Amino acid sequence: MNKHSILIVEDDDTIRKFINASLSTQGYIIKEAINGKEGISLAMSHSPDVILLDLGLGDMDGIDVIKNIRNLSDVPIIVVSAREQDREKVEAFDMGADDYITKPFSIAELLARVRVAIRHSEKNKPKVNSKTDFEHKGLFIDFEKRKVSVDGEEIHLTPSEYDILSLLVKYHGKVLTHNFIAKEIWGSALGSEIKSLRVFMATLRRKIEKEPANPEYIITEIGVGYKLNDE
């Protein structure tokens, strides 16, 4: 049985108790908050391994909860919400959420997402050694020399392709929205920058992926953005 702790921030008693019971049977230590302010307080005082957060809370919007927690902690936050529009998912990811599940959901999916979040926060991540290199599943980046190789073969990238890949590596395992990437690379996220990003992603995949149509490294979150797969 594991001893990881999970904070559930949910104002619906039925859903909160259901999630608590389902996770408790798997050995997780559970803390509950029925509103945003209590959730922020427990997140700071108990340092949970994962936070499950509803967005439609009674006292404040869950987006503001994410913002407050992100000012002080990098704890994985999984949004569990009935809001299913892409723009709402994008806003949550932009504020710092790590994952997003829409209600209704299966408990099997929730458990799987929790396990992934815990793996991402632990030491078995792909390692970035002294911030000078990165290696994962044959992909190697030497940050000092700005060189990239796949399975030992050096890959030539344009400056923009390299910058995009480096940004994904910096946040490996986390979904980065189109707007976030465009602003980090080009300083703005106008329509032209978003269009350019899609072009650069396509060429980057052709260069580093064995099967660009079935990518192993750069994963698309449809309607939201991209992440570097670290599983």
C-alpha atoms as a PDB file:
ATOM      1  CA  MET A   1       0.000   0.000   0.000  1.00  0.00           C
ATOM      2  CA  ASN A   2       1.299   3.447  -0.818  1.00  0.00           C
ATOM      3  CA  LYS A   3       1.507   6.404   1.550  1.00  0.00           C
ATOM      4  CA  HIS A   4       1.064   9.257  -0.877  1.00  0.00           C
ATOM      5  CA  SER A   5      -1.268  12.020   0.260  1.00  0.00           C
ATOM      6  CA  ILE A   6      -4.017  13.566  -1.848  1.00  0.00           C
ATOM      7  CA  LEU A   7      -6.001  16.729  -1.183  1.00  0.00           C
ATOM      8  CA  ILE A   8      -9.542  16.767  -2.596  1.00  0.00           C
ATOM      9  CA  VAL A   9     -10.997  20.264  -3.066  1.00  0.00           C
ATOM     10  CA  GLU A  10     -14.659  19.706  -3.934  1.00  0.00           C
ATOM     11  CA  ASP A  11     -17.845  21.350  -2.610  1.00  0.00           C
ATOM     12  CA  ASP A  12     -20.190  18.560  -3.726  1.00  0.00           C
ATOM     13  CA  ASP A  13     -20.433  16.177  -0.752  1.00  0.00           C
ATOM     14  CA  THR A  14     -21.429  13.152  -2.836  1.00  0.00           C
ATOM     15  CA  ILE A  15     -18.583  13.512  -5.334  1.00  0.00           C
ATOM     16  CA  ARG A  16     -16.034  14.327  -2.623  1.00  0.00           C
ATOM     17  CA  LYS A  17     -16.969  11.283  -0.534  1.00  0.00           C
ATOM     18  CA  PHE A  18     -16.973   9.051  -3.624  1.00  0.00           C
ATOM     19  CA  ILE A  19     -13.463  10.163  -4.614  1.00  0.00           C
ATOM     20  CA  ASN A  20     -12.268   9.828  -1.012  1.00  0.00           C
ATOM     21  CA  ALA A  21     -13.586   6.274  -0.694  1.00  0.00           C
ATOM     22  CA  SER A  22     -12.161   5.226  -4.065  1.00  0.00           C
ATOM     23  CA  LEU A  23      -8.688   6.599  -3.318  1.00  0.00           C
ATOM     24  CA  SER A  24      -8.615   5.410   0.294  1.00  0.00           C
ATOM     25  CA  THR A  25      -9.080   1.796  -0.814  1.00  0.00           C
ATOM     26  CA  GLN A  26      -5.873   2.216  -2.850  1.00  0.00           C
ATOM     27  CA  GLY A  27      -3.919   3.241   0.251  1.00  0.00           C
ATOM     28  CA  TYR A  28      -3.793   6.994  -0.334  1.00  0.00           C
ATOM     29  CA  ILE A  29      -3.915   9.360   2.634  1.00  0.00           C
ATOM     30  CA  ILE A  30      -6.778  11.778   2.014  1.00  0.00           C
ATOM     31  CA  LYS A  31      -7.447  15.343   3.111  1.00  0.00           C
ATOM     32  CA  GLU A  32     -10.665  17.132   2.148  1.00  0.00           C
ATOM     33  CA  ALA A  33     -11.554  20.779   1.574  1.00  0.00           C
ATOM     34  CA  ILE A  34     -15.080  21.970   0.824  1.00  0.00           C
ATOM     35  CA  ASN A  35     -14.107  25.381  -0.566  1.00  0.00           C
ATOM     36  CA  GLY A  36     -11.232  27.224  -2.186  1.00  0.00           C
ATOM     37  CA  LYS A  37      -9.891  29.015   0.882  1.00  0.00           C
ATOM     38  CA  GLU A  38      -9.740  25.800   2.882  1.00  0.00           C
ATOM     39  CA  GLY A  39      -8.096  24.080  -0.078  1.00  0.00           C
ATOM     40  CA  ILE A  40      -5.344  26.691  -0.294  1.00  0.00           C
ATOM     41  CA  SER A  41      -4.773  26.492   3.471  1.00  0.00           C
ATOM     42  CA  LEU A  42      -4.523  22.679   3.489  1.00  0.00           C
ATOM     43  CA  ALA A  43      -2.280  22.708   0.418  1.00  0.00           C
ATOM     44  CA  MET A  44       0.186  24.921   2.272  1.00  0.00           C
ATOM     45  CA  SER A  45      -0.034  23.244   5.697  1.00  0.00           C
ATOM     46  CA  HIS A  46      -0.062  19.574   4.642  1.00  0.00           C
ATOM     47  CA  SER A  47       2.022  19.577   1.411  1.00  0.00           C
ATOM     48  CA  PRO A  48       0.001  16.878  -0.410  1.00  0.00           C
ATOM     49  CA  ASP A  49       1.533  14.857  -3.231  1.00  0.00           C
ATOM     50  CA  VAL A  50      -1.421  15.598  -5.546  1.00  0.00           C
ATOM     51  CA  ILE A  51      -4.381  17.997  -5.464  1.00  0.00           C
ATOM     52  CA  LEU A  52      -7.726  17.110  -7.079  1.00  0.00           C
ATOM     53  CA  LEU A  53      -9.518  20.395  -7.694  1.00  0.00           C
ATOM     54  CA  ASP A  54     -13.050  21.270  -8.766  1.00  0.00           C
ATOM     55  CA  LEU A  55     -13.379  24.623 -10.532  1.00  0.00           C
ATOM     56  CA  GLY A  56     -16.967  25.453  -9.561  1.00  0.00           C
ATOM     57  CA  LEU A  57     -16.415  26.094  -5.860  1.00  0.00           C
ATOM     58  CA  GLY A  58     -18.823  28.098  -3.717  1.00  0.00           C
ATOM     59  CA  ASP A  59     -16.481  30.756  -2.349  1.00  0.00           C
ATOM     60  CA  MET A  60     -14.065  31.317  -5.247  1.00  0.00           C
ATOM     61  CA  ASP A  61     -13.309  30.058  -8.737  1.00  0.00           C
ATOM     62  CA  GLY A  62     -10.976  27.086  -8.946  1.00  0.00           C
ATOM     63  CA  ILE A  63      -8.789  29.027 -11.393  1.00  0.00           C
ATOM     64  CA  ASP A  64      -7.970  31.435  -8.553  1.00  0.00           C
ATOM     65  CA  VAL A  65      -7.159  28.481  -6.305  1.00  0.00           C
ATOM     66  CA  ILE A  66      -4.640  27.245  -8.876  1.00  0.00           C
ATOM     67  CA  LYS A  67      -3.131  30.723  -9.111  1.00  0.00           C
ATOM     68  CA  ASN A  68      -2.748  31.011  -5.328  1.00  0.00           C
ATOM     69  CA  ILE A  69      -1.213  27.563  -4.919  1.00  0.00           C
ATOM     70  CA  ARG A  70       1.163  28.056  -7.851  1.00  0.00           C
ATOM     71  CA  ASN A  71       2.597  31.144  -6.170  1.00  0.00           C
ATOM     72  CA  LEU A  72       3.922  28.903  -3.405  1.00  0.00           C
ATOM     73  CA  SER A  73       4.078  25.296  -4.602  1.00  0.00           C
ATOM     74  CA  ASP A  74       4.710  23.043  -7.614  1.00  0.00           C
ATOM     75  CA  VAL A  75       2.437  20.258  -6.304  1.00  0.00           C
ATOM     76  CA  PRO A  76       0.668  18.456  -9.190  1.00  0.00           C
ATOM     77  CA  ILE A  77      -2.873  19.785  -9.627  1.00  0.00           C
ATOM     78  CA  ILE A  78      -5.476  17.683 -11.444  1.00  0.00           C
ATOM     79  CA  VAL A  79      -8.636  19.620 -12.289  1.00  0.00           C
ATOM     80  CA  VAL A  80     -11.815  17.534 -11.968  1.00  0.00           C
ATOM     81  CA  SER A  81     -14.579  19.682 -13.417  1.00  0.00           C
ATOM     82  CA  ALA A  82     -17.848  19.696 -15.344  1.00  0.00           C
ATOM     83  CA  ARG A  83     -16.460  22.541 -17.480  1.00  0.00           C
ATOM     84  CA  GLU A  84     -15.575  20.930 -20.789  1.00  0.00           C
ATOM     85  CA  GLN A  85     -14.910  23.824 -23.179  1.00  0.00           C
ATOM     86  CA  ASP A  86     -11.399  24.032 -24.623  1.00  0.00           C
ATOM     87  CA  ARG A  87     -11.010  27.656 -23.511  1.00  0.00           C
ATOM     88  CA  GLU A  88     -11.663  26.644 -19.896  1.00  0.00           C
ATOM     89  CA  LYS A  89      -9.118  23.847 -20.113  1.00  0.00           C
ATOM     90  CA  VAL A  90      -6.597  26.221 -21.672  1.00  0.00           C
ATOM     91  CA  GLU A  91      -7.140  28.746 -18.875  1.00  0.00           C
ATOM     92  CA  ALA A  92      -6.577  26.079 -16.224  1.00  0.00           C
ATOM     93  CA  PHE A  93      -3.383  24.872 -17.902  1.00  0.00           C
ATOM     94  CA  ASP A  94      -2.164  28.449 -18.349  1.00  0.00           C
ATOM     95  CA  MET A  95      -2.621  29.062 -14.625  1.00  0.00           C
ATOM     96  CA  GLY A  96      -0.567  25.968 -13.795  1.00  0.00           C
ATOM     97  CA  ALA A  97      -2.835  22.899 -13.731  1.00  0.00           C
ATOM     98  CA  ASP A  98      -1.045  19.671 -14.639  1.00  0.00           C
ATOM     99  CA  ASP A  99      -4.021  17.645 -15.858  1.00  0.00           C
ATOM    100  CA  TYR A 100      -7.754  18.005 -16.514  1.00  0.00           C
ATOM    101  CA  ILE A 101     -10.569  15.463 -16.194  1.00  0.00           C
ATOM    102  CA  THR A 102     -14.162  16.294 -17.098  1.00  0.00           C
ATOM    103  CA  LYS A 103     -17.149  15.075 -15.100  1.00  0.00           C
ATOM    104  CA  PRO A 104     -18.576  12.506 -15.255  1.00  0.00           C
ATOM    105  CA  PHE A 105     -15.410  10.412 -15.078  1.00  0.00           C
ATOM    106  CA  SER A 106     -14.482   6.802 -14.424  1.00  0.00           C
ATOM    107  CA  ILE A 107     -12.634   6.071 -11.207  1.00  0.00           C
ATOM    108  CA  ALA A 108     -10.187   3.920 -13.198  1.00  0.00           C
ATOM    109  CA  GLU A 109      -9.215   6.964 -15.265  1.00  0.00           C
ATOM    110  CA  LEU A 110      -8.894   9.148 -12.167  1.00  0.00           C
ATOM    111  CA  LEU A 111      -6.632   6.605 -10.464  1.00  0.00           C
ATOM    112  CA  ALA A 112      -4.481   6.373 -13.585  1.00  0.00           C
ATOM    113  CA  ARG A 113      -4.128  10.170 -13.768  1.00  0.00           C
ATOM    114  CA  VAL A 114      -3.168  10.299 -10.080  1.00  0.00           C
ATOM    115  CA  ARG A 115      -0.480   7.655 -10.584  1.00  0.00           C
ATOM    116  CA  VAL A 116       0.938   9.582 -13.545  1.00  0.00           C
ATOM    117  CA  ALA A 117       0.960  12.842 -11.561  1.00  0.00           C
ATOM    118  CA  ILE A 118       2.861  11.190  -8.727  1.00  0.00           C
ATOM    119  CA  ARG A 119       5.386   9.681 -11.125  1.00  0.00           C
ATOM    120  CA  HIS A 120       5.973  13.089 -12.672  1.00  0.00           C
ATOM    121  CA  SER A 121       6.707  14.619  -9.283  1.00  0.00           C
ATOM    122  CA  GLU A 122       9.142  11.940  -8.153  1.00  0.00           C
ATOM    123  CA  LYS A 123      12.759  11.226  -8.923  1.00  0.00           C
ATOM    124  CA  ASN A 124      12.133   8.683 -11.676  1.00  0.00           C
ATOM    125  CA  LYS A 125      11.568  11.506 -14.159  1.00  0.00           C
ATOM    126  CA  PRO A 126      13.928  11.830 -17.121  1.00  0.00           C
ATOM    127  CA  LYS A 127      16.940  13.563 -15.636  1.00  0.00           C
ATOM    128  CA  VAL A 128      18.346  16.932 -16.506  1.00  0.00           C
ATOM    129  CA  ASN A 129      21.908  16.799 -15.236  1.00  0.00           C
ATOM    130  CA  SER A 130      23.157  20.098 -13.805  1.00  0.00           C
ATOM    131  CA  LYS A 131      20.985  21.793 -16.454  1.00  0.00           C
ATOM    132  CA  THR A 132      23.633  20.990 -19.079  1.00  0.00           C
ATOM    133  CA  ASP A 133      22.067  17.954 -20.734  1.00  0.00           C
ATOM    134  CA  PHE A 134      18.864  15.961 -21.025  1.00  0.00           C
ATOM    135  CA  GLU A 135      18.341  12.333 -22.003  1.00  0.00           C
ATOM    136  CA  HIS A 136      15.170  10.306 -22.436  1.00  0.00           C
ATOM    137  CA  LYS A 137      14.433   7.274 -24.625  1.00  0.00           C
ATOM    138  CA  GLY A 138      17.238   8.025 -27.066  1.00  0.00           C
ATOM    139  CA  LEU A 139      16.603  11.775 -27.226  1.00  0.00           C
ATOM    140  CA  PHE A 140      19.690  13.674 -26.014  1.00  0.00           C
ATOM    141  CA  ILE A 141      20.164  17.435 -25.692  1.00  0.00           C
ATOM    142  CA  ASP A 142      23.448  19.139 -24.809  1.00  0.00           C
ATOM    143  CA  PHE A 143      22.315  22.574 -23.642  1.00  0.00           C
ATOM    144  CA  GLU A 144      25.824  24.029 -23.458  1.00  0.00           C
ATOM    145  CA  LYS A 145      26.541  23.190 -27.102  1.00  0.00           C
ATOM    146  CA  ARG A 146      22.889  23.475 -28.241  1.00  0.00           C
ATOM    147  CA  LYS A 147      23.160  20.056 -29.878  1.00  0.00           C
ATOM    148  CA  VAL A 148      20.388  17.485 -30.253  1.00  0.00           C
ATOM    149  CA  SER A 149      20.719  13.815 -31.137  1.00  0.00           C
ATOM    150  CA  VAL A 150      18.378  10.836 -31.419  1.00  0.00           C
ATOM    151  CA  ASP A 151      19.816   7.359 -30.863  1.00  0.00           C
ATOM    152  CA  GLY A 152      23.308   8.810 -31.224  1.00  0.00           C
ATOM    153  CA  GLU A 153      22.646  10.570 -34.533  1.00  0.00           C
ATOM    154  CA  GLU A 154      22.984  14.359 -34.423  1.00  0.00           C
ATOM    155  CA  ILE A 155      19.893  16.247 -35.610  1.00  0.00           C
ATOM    156  CA  HIS A 156      20.118  19.734 -37.104  1.00  0.00           C
ATOM    157  CA  LEU A 157      17.432  22.051 -35.735  1.00  0.00           C
ATOM    158  CA  THR A 158      16.695  25.645 -36.606  1.00  0.00           C
ATOM    159  CA  PRO A 159      16.985  28.137 -33.711  1.00  0.00           C
ATOM    160  CA  SER A 160      13.204  28.243 -33.271  1.00  0.00           C
ATOM    161  CA  GLU A 161      12.891  24.450 -33.351  1.00  0.00           C
ATOM    162  CA  TYR A 162      15.635  24.154 -30.744  1.00  0.00           C
ATOM    163  CA  ASP A 163      14.015  26.798 -28.515  1.00  0.00           C
ATOM    164  CA  ILE A 164      10.637  25.055 -28.693  1.00  0.00           C
ATOM    165  CA  LEU A 165      12.148  21.675 -27.842  1.00  0.00           C
ATOM    166  CA  SER A 166      14.146  23.179 -24.961  1.00  0.00           C
ATOM    167  CA  LEU A 167      10.978  24.748 -23.559  1.00  0.00           C
ATOM    168  CA  LEU A 168       9.133  21.418 -23.698  1.00  0.00           C
ATOM    169  CA  VAL A 169      12.077  19.742 -21.948  1.00  0.00           C
ATOM    170  CA  LYS A 170      12.080  22.384 -19.215  1.00  0.00           C
ATOM    171  CA  TYR A 171       8.450  21.514 -18.430  1.00  0.00           C
ATOM    172  CA  HIS A 172       8.595  17.828 -19.445  1.00  0.00           C
ATOM    173  CA  GLY A 173       5.426  15.926 -18.613  1.00  0.00           C
ATOM    174  CA  LYS A 174       3.382  19.136 -18.294  1.00  0.00           C
ATOM    175  CA  VAL A 175       0.942  20.400 -20.926  1.00  0.00           C
ATOM    176  CA  LEU A 176       2.004  23.776 -22.345  1.00  0.00           C
ATOM    177  CA  THR A 177      -0.709  25.763 -24.101  1.00  0.00           C
ATOM    178  CA  HIS A 178      -0.264  27.203 -27.586  1.00  0.00           C
ATOM    179  CA  ASN A 179      -0.349  30.720 -26.122  1.00  0.00           C
ATOM    180  CA  PHE A 180       2.274  29.964 -23.477  1.00  0.00           C
ATOM    181  CA  ILE A 181       4.719  28.463 -25.973  1.00  0.00           C
ATOM    182  CA  ALA A 182       4.231  31.272 -28.492  1.00  0.00           C
ATOM    183  CA  LYS A 183       4.757  33.968 -25.851  1.00  0.00           C
ATOM    184  CA  GLU A 184       7.884  32.254 -24.516  1.00  0.00           C
ATOM    185  CA  ILE A 185       9.410  31.822 -27.986  1.00  0.00           C
ATOM    186  CA  TRP A 186       8.272  34.953 -29.858  1.00  0.00           C
ATOM    187  CA  GLY A 187       7.001  37.291 -27.144  1.00  0.00           C
ATOM    188  CA  SER A 188       3.380  37.296 -28.300  1.00  0.00           C
ATOM    189  CA  ALA A 189       0.587  34.882 -29.160  1.00  0.00           C
ATOM    190  CA  LEU A 190      -1.155  36.400 -32.159  1.00  0.00           C
ATOM    191  CA  GLY A 191      -2.774  34.244 -34.811  1.00  0.00           C
ATOM    192  CA  SER A 192       0.366  34.323 -36.951  1.00  0.00           C
ATOM    193  CA  GLU A 193       2.536  33.051 -34.072  1.00  0.00           C
ATOM    194  CA  ILE A 194       0.133  30.191 -33.316  1.00  0.00           C
ATOM    195  CA  LYS A 195       0.143  29.224 -36.994  1.00  0.00           C
ATOM    196  CA  SER A 196       3.956  29.349 -37.030  1.00  0.00           C
ATOM    197  CA  LEU A 197       4.066  27.177 -33.914  1.00  0.00           C
ATOM    198  CA  ARG A 198       2.067  24.430 -35.636  1.00  0.00           C
ATOM    199  CA  VAL A 199       4.434  24.537 -38.616  1.00  0.00           C
ATOM    200  CA  PHE A 200       7.528  24.350 -36.402  1.00  0.00           C
ATOM    201  CA  MET A 201       6.018  21.471 -34.418  1.00  0.00           C
ATOM    202  CA  ALA A 202       5.405  19.537 -37.619  1.00  0.00           C
ATOM    203  CA  THR A 203       8.993  20.016 -38.836  1.00  0.00           C
ATOM    204  CA  LEU A 204      10.406  19.290 -35.373  1.00  0.00           C
ATOM    205  CA  ARG A 205       8.511  16.017 -35.221  1.00  0.00           C
ATOM    206  CA  ARG A 206       9.722  15.015 -38.675  1.00  0.00           C
ATOM    207  CA  LYS A 207      13.287  15.473 -37.460  1.00  0.00           C
ATOM    208  CA  ILE A 208      13.196  13.770 -34.045  1.00  0.00           C
ATOM    209  CA  GLU A 209      10.325  11.266 -34.202  1.00  0.00           C
ATOM    210  CA  LYS A 210      10.677   7.804 -35.717  1.00  0.00           C
ATOM    211  CA  GLU A 211       6.987   7.977 -36.675  1.00  0.00           C
ATOM    212  CA  PRO A 212       5.869  11.635 -36.842  1.00  0.00           C
ATOM    213  CA  ALA A 213       2.228  10.581 -37.244  1.00  0.00           C
ATOM    214  CA  ASN A 214       2.515   8.538 -34.041  1.00  0.00           C
ATOM    215  CA  PRO A 215       4.926  10.641 -31.967  1.00  0.00           C
ATOM    216  CA  GLU A 216       6.837   9.231 -29.027  1.00  0.00           C
ATOM    217  CA  TYR A 217       8.269  12.473 -27.671  1.00  0.00           C
ATOM    218  CA  ILE A 218       6.003  15.438 -28.465  1.00  0.00           C
ATOM    219  CA  ILE A 219       2.369  14.742 -27.616  1.00  0.00           C
ATOM    220  CA  THR A 220      -0.534  16.909 -28.813  1.00  0.00           C
ATOM    221  CA  GLU A 221      -3.303  17.827 -26.386  1.00  0.00           C
ATOM    222  CA  ILE A 222      -6.026  18.606 -28.929  1.00  0.00           C
ATOM    223  CA  GLY A 223      -7.320  22.161 -28.671  1.00  0.00           C
ATOM    224  CA  VAL A 224      -4.917  22.963 -25.836  1.00  0.00           C
ATOM    225  CA  GLY A 225      -1.227  22.576 -26.667  1.00  0.00           C
ATOM    226  CA  TYR A 226       1.707  20.167 -26.415  1.00  0.00           C
ATOM    227  CA  LYS A 227       3.795  18.304 -23.880  1.00  0.00           C
ATOM    228  CA  LEU A 228       7.027  16.337 -23.892  1.00  0.00           C
ATOM    229  CA  ASN A 229       6.098  12.784 -22.994  1.00  0.00           C
ATOM    230  CA  ASP A 230       8.166  11.475 -20.096  1.00  0.00           C
ATOM    231  CA  GLU A 231       6.508   8.092 -19.586  1.00  0.00           C
END
